[in-house]
Amino acid sequence: MKLQDEVEVAEQRMRYAESELRKLKQGIRDDYARAALTGLLAYGYSPRELVVEEAFRIAEICLADRAK
């Protein structure tokens, strides 16, 4: 393989790995949001129009804490 070919293959692998990482992070975020949503609804959080927004805000906080 030529050096340029190796570089292209490495770049493709890196893009694939970055894509997979984004999918995993999104999955974790969705799991946190789902758990937060369940808790908020069980608690009777209102106004209901903001419940989903609040659940995703909580999920973002959880992800930030996990990254520390």
PDB file of N, CA and C in Angstrom:
ATOM      1  N   MET A   1       0.841  -1.195   0.000  1.00  0.00           N
ATOM      2  CA  MET A   1       0.000   0.000   0.000  1.00  0.00           C
ATOM      3  C   MET A   1       0.873   1.240   0.000  1.00  0.00           C
ATOM      4  N   LYS A   2       0.411   2.199  -0.731  1.00  0.00           N
ATOM      5  CA  LYS A   2       1.099   3.476  -0.726  1.00  0.00           C
ATOM      6  C   LYS A   2       0.748   4.221   0.550  1.00  0.00           C
ATOM      7  N   LEU A   3       1.591   5.130   0.916  1.00  0.00           N
ATOM      8  CA  LEU A   3       1.380   5.911   2.126  1.00  0.00           C
ATOM      9  C   LEU A   3       0.060   6.671   2.054  1.00  0.00           C
ATOM     10  N   GLN A   4      -0.245   7.235   0.890  1.00  0.00           N
ATOM     11  CA  GLN A   4      -1.507   7.986   0.733  1.00  0.00           C
ATOM     12  C   GLN A   4      -2.709   7.071   0.942  1.00  0.00           C
ATOM     13  N   ASP A   5      -2.638   5.841   0.439  1.00  0.00           N
ATOM     14  CA  ASP A   5      -3.724   4.875   0.639  1.00  0.00           C
ATOM     15  C   ASP A   5      -3.897   4.552   2.113  1.00  0.00           C
ATOM     16  N   GLU A   6      -2.788   4.384   2.822  1.00  0.00           N
ATOM     17  CA  GLU A   6      -2.844   4.098   4.253  1.00  0.00           C
ATOM     18  C   GLU A   6      -3.464   5.260   5.027  1.00  0.00           C
ATOM     19  N   VAL A   7      -3.132   6.463   4.625  1.00  0.00           N
ATOM     20  CA  VAL A   7      -3.691   7.647   5.273  1.00  0.00           C
ATOM     21  C   VAL A   7      -5.202   7.695   5.045  1.00  0.00           C
ATOM     22  N   GLU A   8      -5.637   7.435   3.834  1.00  0.00           N
ATOM     23  CA  GLU A   8      -7.066   7.442   3.528  1.00  0.00           C
ATOM     24  C   GLU A   8      -7.814   6.374   4.323  1.00  0.00           C
ATOM     25  N   VAL A   9      -7.240   5.195   4.434  1.00  0.00           N
ATOM     26  CA  VAL A   9      -7.868   4.120   5.206  1.00  0.00           C
ATOM     27  C   VAL A   9      -7.952   4.516   6.678  1.00  0.00           C
ATOM     28  N   ALA A  10      -6.885   5.086   7.195  1.00  0.00           N
ATOM     29  CA  ALA A  10      -6.880   5.520   8.602  1.00  0.00           C
ATOM     30  C   ALA A  10      -7.920   6.608   8.835  1.00  0.00           C
ATOM     31  N   GLU A  11      -8.062   7.529   7.906  1.00  0.00           N
ATOM     32  CA  GLU A  11      -9.060   8.595   8.035  1.00  0.00           C
ATOM     33  C   GLU A  11     -10.477   8.027   7.995  1.00  0.00           C
ATOM     34  N   GLN A  12     -10.709   7.050   7.130  1.00  0.00           N
ATOM     35  CA  GLN A  12     -12.024   6.402   7.063  1.00  0.00           C
ATOM     36  C   GLN A  12     -12.343   5.680   8.363  1.00  0.00           C
ATOM     37  N   ARG A  13     -11.366   5.001   8.909  1.00  0.00           N
ATOM     38  CA  ARG A  13     -11.567   4.302  10.189  1.00  0.00           C
ATOM     39  C   ARG A  13     -11.863   5.299  11.314  1.00  0.00           C
ATOM     40  N   MET A  14     -11.180   6.420  11.292  1.00  0.00           N
ATOM     41  CA  MET A  14     -11.392   7.438  12.309  1.00  0.00           C
ATOM     42  C   MET A  14     -12.803   8.024  12.187  1.00  0.00           C
ATOM     43  N   ARG A  15     -13.244   8.306  10.975  1.00  0.00           N
ATOM     44  CA  ARG A  15     -14.607   8.825  10.780  1.00  0.00           C
ATOM     45  C   ARG A  15     -15.643   7.814  11.247  1.00  0.00           C
ATOM     46  N   TYR A  16     -15.407   6.540  10.978  1.00  0.00           N
ATOM     47  CA  TYR A  16     -16.327   5.492  11.415  1.00  0.00           C
ATOM     48  C   TYR A  16     -16.366   5.426  12.946  1.00  0.00           C
ATOM     49  N   ALA A  17     -15.206   5.477  13.576  1.00  0.00           N
ATOM     50  CA  ALA A  17     -15.135   5.423  15.041  1.00  0.00           C
ATOM     51  C   ALA A  17     -15.835   6.636  15.653  1.00  0.00           C
ATOM     52  N   GLU A  18     -15.649   7.805  15.073  1.00  0.00           N
ATOM     53  CA  GLU A  18     -16.323   9.009  15.576  1.00  0.00           C
ATOM     54  C   GLU A  18     -17.838   8.878  15.435  1.00  0.00           C
ATOM     55  N   SER A  19     -18.282   8.316  14.332  1.00  0.00           N
ATOM     56  CA  SER A  19     -19.716   8.102  14.106  1.00  0.00           C
ATOM     57  C   SER A  19     -20.285   7.136  15.141  1.00  0.00           C
ATOM     58  N   GLU A  20     -19.581   6.060  15.404  1.00  0.00           N
ATOM     59  CA  GLU A  20     -20.032   5.085  16.398  1.00  0.00           C
ATOM     60  C   GLU A  20     -20.069   5.699  17.793  1.00  0.00           C
ATOM     61  N   LEU A  21     -19.082   6.527  18.111  1.00  0.00           N
ATOM     62  CA  LEU A  21     -19.058   7.197  19.413  1.00  0.00           C
ATOM     63  C   LEU A  21     -20.254   8.123  19.567  1.00  0.00           C
ATOM     64  N   ARG A  22     -20.586   8.869  18.516  1.00  0.00           N
ATOM     65  CA  ARG A  22     -21.774   9.745  18.561  1.00  0.00           C
ATOM     66  C   ARG A  22     -23.036   8.935  18.805  1.00  0.00           C
ATOM     67  N   LYS A  23     -23.156   7.783  18.143  1.00  0.00           N
ATOM     68  CA  LYS A  23     -24.331   6.924  18.332  1.00  0.00           C
ATOM     69  C   LYS A  23     -24.421   6.430  19.772  1.00  0.00           C
ATOM     70  N   LEU A  24     -23.283   6.019  20.340  1.00  0.00           N
ATOM     71  CA  LEU A  24     -23.274   5.544  21.719  1.00  0.00           C
ATOM     72  C   LEU A  24     -23.654   6.647  22.693  1.00  0.00           C
ATOM     73  N   LYS A  25     -23.093   7.848  22.491  1.00  0.00           N
ATOM     74  CA  LYS A  25     -23.425   8.968  23.368  1.00  0.00           C
ATOM     75  C   LYS A  25     -24.902   9.320  23.253  1.00  0.00           C
ATOM     76  N   GLN A  26     -25.431   9.286  22.043  1.00  0.00           N
ATOM     77  CA  GLN A  26     -26.848   9.584  21.840  1.00  0.00           C
ATOM     78  C   GLN A  26     -27.709   8.550  22.551  1.00  0.00           C
ATOM     79  N   GLY A  27     -27.302   7.287  22.488  1.00  0.00           N
ATOM     80  CA  GLY A  27     -28.044   6.234  23.169  1.00  0.00           C
ATOM     81  C   GLY A  27     -28.056   6.426  24.675  1.00  0.00           C
ATOM     82  N   ILE A  28     -26.905   6.799  25.231  1.00  0.00           N
ATOM     83  CA  ILE A  28     -26.825   7.054  26.671  1.00  0.00           C
ATOM     84  C   ILE A  28     -27.681   8.253  27.035  1.00  0.00           C
ATOM     85  N   ARG A  29     -27.630   9.292  26.216  1.00  0.00           N
ATOM     86  CA  ARG A  29     -28.440  10.487  26.473  1.00  0.00           C
ATOM     87  C   ARG A  29     -29.922  10.132  26.461  1.00  0.00           C
ATOM     88  N   ASP A  30     -30.330   9.331  25.489  1.00  0.00           N
ATOM     89  CA  ASP A  30     -31.732   8.913  25.409  1.00  0.00           C
ATOM     90  C   ASP A  30     -32.138   8.093  26.630  1.00  0.00           C
ATOM     91  N   ASP A  31     -31.237   7.226  27.092  1.00  0.00           N
ATOM     92  CA  ASP A  31     -31.534   6.422  28.287  1.00  0.00           C
ATOM     93  C   ASP A  31     -31.709   7.312  29.514  1.00  0.00           C
ATOM     94  N   TYR A  32     -30.810   8.285  29.671  1.00  0.00           N
ATOM     95  CA  TYR A  32     -30.933   9.212  30.795  1.00  0.00           C
ATOM     96  C   TYR A  32     -32.233  10.016  30.692  1.00  0.00           C
ATOM     97  N   ALA A  33     -32.547  10.485  29.498  1.00  0.00           N
ATOM     98  CA  ALA A  33     -33.765  11.278  29.306  1.00  0.00           C
ATOM     99  C   ALA A  33     -35.006  10.440  29.591  1.00  0.00           C
ATOM    100  N   ARG A  34     -34.989   9.186  29.170  1.00  0.00           N
ATOM    101  CA  ARG A  34     -36.130   8.294  29.417  1.00  0.00           C
ATOM    102  C   ARG A  34     -36.328   8.087  30.920  1.00  0.00           C
ATOM    103  N   ALA A  35     -35.234   7.879  31.648  1.00  0.00           N
ATOM    104  CA  ALA A  35     -35.325   7.699  33.100  1.00  0.00           C
ATOM    105  C   ALA A  35     -35.806   8.983  33.773  1.00  0.00           C
ATOM    106  N   ALA A  36     -35.287  10.116  33.334  1.00  0.00           N
ATOM    107  CA  ALA A  36     -35.702  11.398  33.907  1.00  0.00           C
ATOM    108  C   ALA A  36     -37.176  11.660  33.615  1.00  0.00           C
ATOM    109  N   LEU A  37     -37.604  11.353  32.404  1.00  0.00           N
ATOM    110  CA  LEU A  37     -38.999  11.560  32.024  1.00  0.00           C
ATOM    111  C   LEU A  37     -39.926  10.709  32.898  1.00  0.00           C
ATOM    112  N   THR A  38     -39.539   9.467  33.113  1.00  0.00           N
ATOM    113  CA  THR A  38     -40.340   8.586  33.968  1.00  0.00           C
ATOM    114  C   THR A  38     -40.461   9.165  35.370  1.00  0.00           C
ATOM    115  N   GLY A  39     -39.335   9.617  35.914  1.00  0.00           N
ATOM    116  CA  GLY A  39     -39.351  10.199  37.250  1.00  0.00           C
ATOM    117  C   GLY A  39     -40.166  11.469  37.327  1.00  0.00           C
ATOM    118  N   LEU A  40     -40.006  12.329  36.334  1.00  0.00           N
ATOM    119  CA  LEU A  40     -40.750  13.592  36.330  1.00  0.00           C
ATOM    120  C   LEU A  40     -42.253  13.347  36.245  1.00  0.00           C
ATOM    121  N   LEU A  41     -42.657  12.422  35.395  1.00  0.00           N
ATOM    122  CA  LEU A  41     -44.084  12.125  35.262  1.00  0.00           C
ATOM    123  C   LEU A  41     -44.624  11.470  36.532  1.00  0.00           C
ATOM    124  N   ALA A  42     -43.835  10.590  37.143  1.00  0.00           N
ATOM    125  CA  ALA A  42     -44.278   9.938  38.375  1.00  0.00           C
ATOM    126  C   ALA A  42     -44.419  10.959  39.506  1.00  0.00           C
ATOM    127  N   TYR A  43     -43.545  11.942  39.489  1.00  0.00           N
ATOM    128  CA  TYR A  43     -43.571  12.984  40.520  1.00  0.00           C
ATOM    129  C   TYR A  43     -44.698  13.982  40.289  1.00  0.00           C
ATOM    130  N   GLY A  44     -45.189  14.028  39.059  1.00  0.00           N
ATOM    131  CA  GLY A  44     -46.254  14.968  38.727  1.00  0.00           C
ATOM    132  C   GLY A  44     -45.728  16.328  38.298  1.00  0.00           C
ATOM    133  N   TYR A  45     -44.534  16.321  37.680  1.00  0.00           N
ATOM    134  CA  TYR A  45     -43.912  17.572  37.228  1.00  0.00           C
ATOM    135  C   TYR A  45     -44.841  18.306  36.272  1.00  0.00           C
ATOM    136  N   SER A  46     -44.921  19.611  36.429  1.00  0.00           N
ATOM    137  CA  SER A  46     -45.728  20.408  35.512  1.00  0.00           C
ATOM    138  C   SER A  46     -45.070  21.759  35.326  1.00  0.00           C
ATOM    139  N   PRO A  47     -45.327  22.471  34.293  1.00  0.00           N
ATOM    140  CA  PRO A  47     -46.357  22.189  33.292  1.00  0.00           C
ATOM    141  C   PRO A  47     -45.921  21.060  32.366  1.00  0.00           C
ATOM    142  N   ARG A  48     -46.878  20.294  31.952  1.00  0.00           N
ATOM    143  CA  ARG A  48     -46.594  19.124  31.125  1.00  0.00           C
ATOM    144  C   ARG A  48     -45.893  19.471  29.821  1.00  0.00           C
ATOM    145  N   GLU A  49     -46.102  20.671  29.308  1.00  0.00           N
ATOM    146  CA  GLU A  49     -45.466  21.066  28.040  1.00  0.00           C
ATOM    147  C   GLU A  49     -43.944  21.090  28.167  1.00  0.00           C
ATOM    148  N   LEU A  50     -43.448  21.245  29.385  1.00  0.00           N
ATOM    149  CA  LEU A  50     -42.007  21.356  29.590  1.00  0.00           C
ATOM    150  C   LEU A  50     -41.358  20.070  30.096  1.00  0.00           C
ATOM    151  N   VAL A  51     -42.128  19.022  30.271  1.00  0.00           N
ATOM    152  CA  VAL A  51     -41.602  17.792  30.865  1.00  0.00           C
ATOM    153  C   VAL A  51     -40.492  17.191  30.004  1.00  0.00           C
ATOM    154  N   VAL A  52     -40.706  17.068  28.714  1.00  0.00           N
ATOM    155  CA  VAL A  52     -39.695  16.464  27.839  1.00  0.00           C
ATOM    156  C   VAL A  52     -38.451  17.335  27.789  1.00  0.00           C
ATOM    157  N   GLU A  53     -38.640  18.630  27.690  1.00  0.00           N
ATOM    158  CA  GLU A  53     -37.503  19.558  27.676  1.00  0.00           C
ATOM    159  C   GLU A  53     -36.683  19.409  28.960  1.00  0.00           C
ATOM    160  N   GLU A  54     -37.352  19.331  30.082  1.00  0.00           N
ATOM    161  CA  GLU A  54     -36.665  19.178  31.366  1.00  0.00           C
ATOM    162  C   GLU A  54     -35.955  17.825  31.443  1.00  0.00           C
ATOM    163  N   ALA A  55     -36.563  16.785  30.920  1.00  0.00           N
ATOM    164  CA  ALA A  55     -35.937  15.462  30.924  1.00  0.00           C
ATOM    165  C   ALA A  55     -34.624  15.478  30.143  1.00  0.00           C
ATOM    166  N   PHE A  56     -34.604  16.137  28.993  1.00  0.00           N
ATOM    167  CA  PHE A  56     -33.368  16.201  28.212  1.00  0.00           C
ATOM    168  C   PHE A  56     -32.346  17.126  28.857  1.00  0.00           C
ATOM    169  N   ARG A  57     -32.792  18.143  29.577  1.00  0.00           N
ATOM    170  CA  ARG A  57     -31.867  19.011  30.313  1.00  0.00           C
ATOM    171  C   ARG A  57     -31.176  18.183  31.403  1.00  0.00           C
ATOM    172  N   ILE A  58     -31.947  17.371  32.093  1.00  0.00           N
ATOM    173  CA  ILE A  58     -31.388  16.500  33.126  1.00  0.00           C
ATOM    174  C   ILE A  58     -30.419  15.496  32.499  1.00  0.00           C
ATOM    175  N   ALA A  59     -30.770  14.954  31.339  1.00  0.00           N
ATOM    176  CA  ALA A  59     -29.894  14.003  30.647  1.00  0.00           C
ATOM    177  C   ALA A  59     -28.558  14.646  30.299  1.00  0.00           C
ATOM    178  N   GLU A  60     -28.589  15.889  29.846  1.00  0.00           N
ATOM    179  CA  GLU A  60     -27.341  16.600  29.527  1.00  0.00           C
ATOM    180  C   GLU A  60     -26.490  16.793  30.769  1.00  0.00           C
ATOM    181  N   ILE A  61     -27.113  17.091  31.896  1.00  0.00           N
ATOM    182  CA  ILE A  61     -26.385  17.240  33.156  1.00  0.00           C
ATOM    183  C   ILE A  61     -25.732  15.901  33.536  1.00  0.00           C
ATOM    184  N   CYS A  62     -26.478  14.826  33.375  1.00  0.00           N
ATOM    185  CA  CYS A  62     -25.933  13.489  33.685  1.00  0.00           C
ATOM    186  C   CYS A  62     -24.737  13.164  32.794  1.00  0.00           C
ATOM    187  N   LEU A  63     -24.828  13.472  31.524  1.00  0.00           N
ATOM    188  CA  LEU A  63     -23.710  13.214  30.615  1.00  0.00           C
ATOM    189  C   LEU A  63     -22.493  14.042  30.987  1.00  0.00           C
ATOM    190  N   ALA A  64     -22.714  15.300  31.348  1.00  0.00           N
ATOM    191  CA  ALA A  64     -21.603  16.168  31.739  1.00  0.00           C
ATOM    192  C   ALA A  64     -20.929  15.626  33.002  1.00  0.00           C
ATOM    193  N   ASP A  65     -21.731  15.180  33.968  1.00  0.00           N
ATOM    194  CA  ASP A  65     -21.171  14.616  35.185  1.00  0.00           C
ATOM    195  C   ASP A  65     -20.410  13.326  34.899  1.00  0.00           C
ATOM    196  N   ARG A  66     -20.928  12.543  33.997  1.00  0.00           N
ATOM    197  CA  ARG A  66     -20.280  11.274  33.655  1.00  0.00           C
ATOM    198  C   ARG A  66     -18.929  11.521  32.972  1.00  0.00           C
ATOM    199  N   ALA A  67     -18.828  12.600  32.225  1.00  0.00           N
ATOM    200  CA  ALA A  67     -17.601  12.898  31.494  1.00  0.00           C
ATOM    201  C   ALA A  67     -16.473  13.382  32.408  1.00  0.00           C
ATOM    202  N   LYS A  68     -16.817  13.764  33.635  1.00  0.00           N
ATOM    203  CA  LYS A  68     -15.778  14.280  34.568  1.00  0.00           C
ATOM    204  C   LYS A  68     -14.850  13.203  35.010  1.00  0.00           C
TER     205      LYS A  68
END
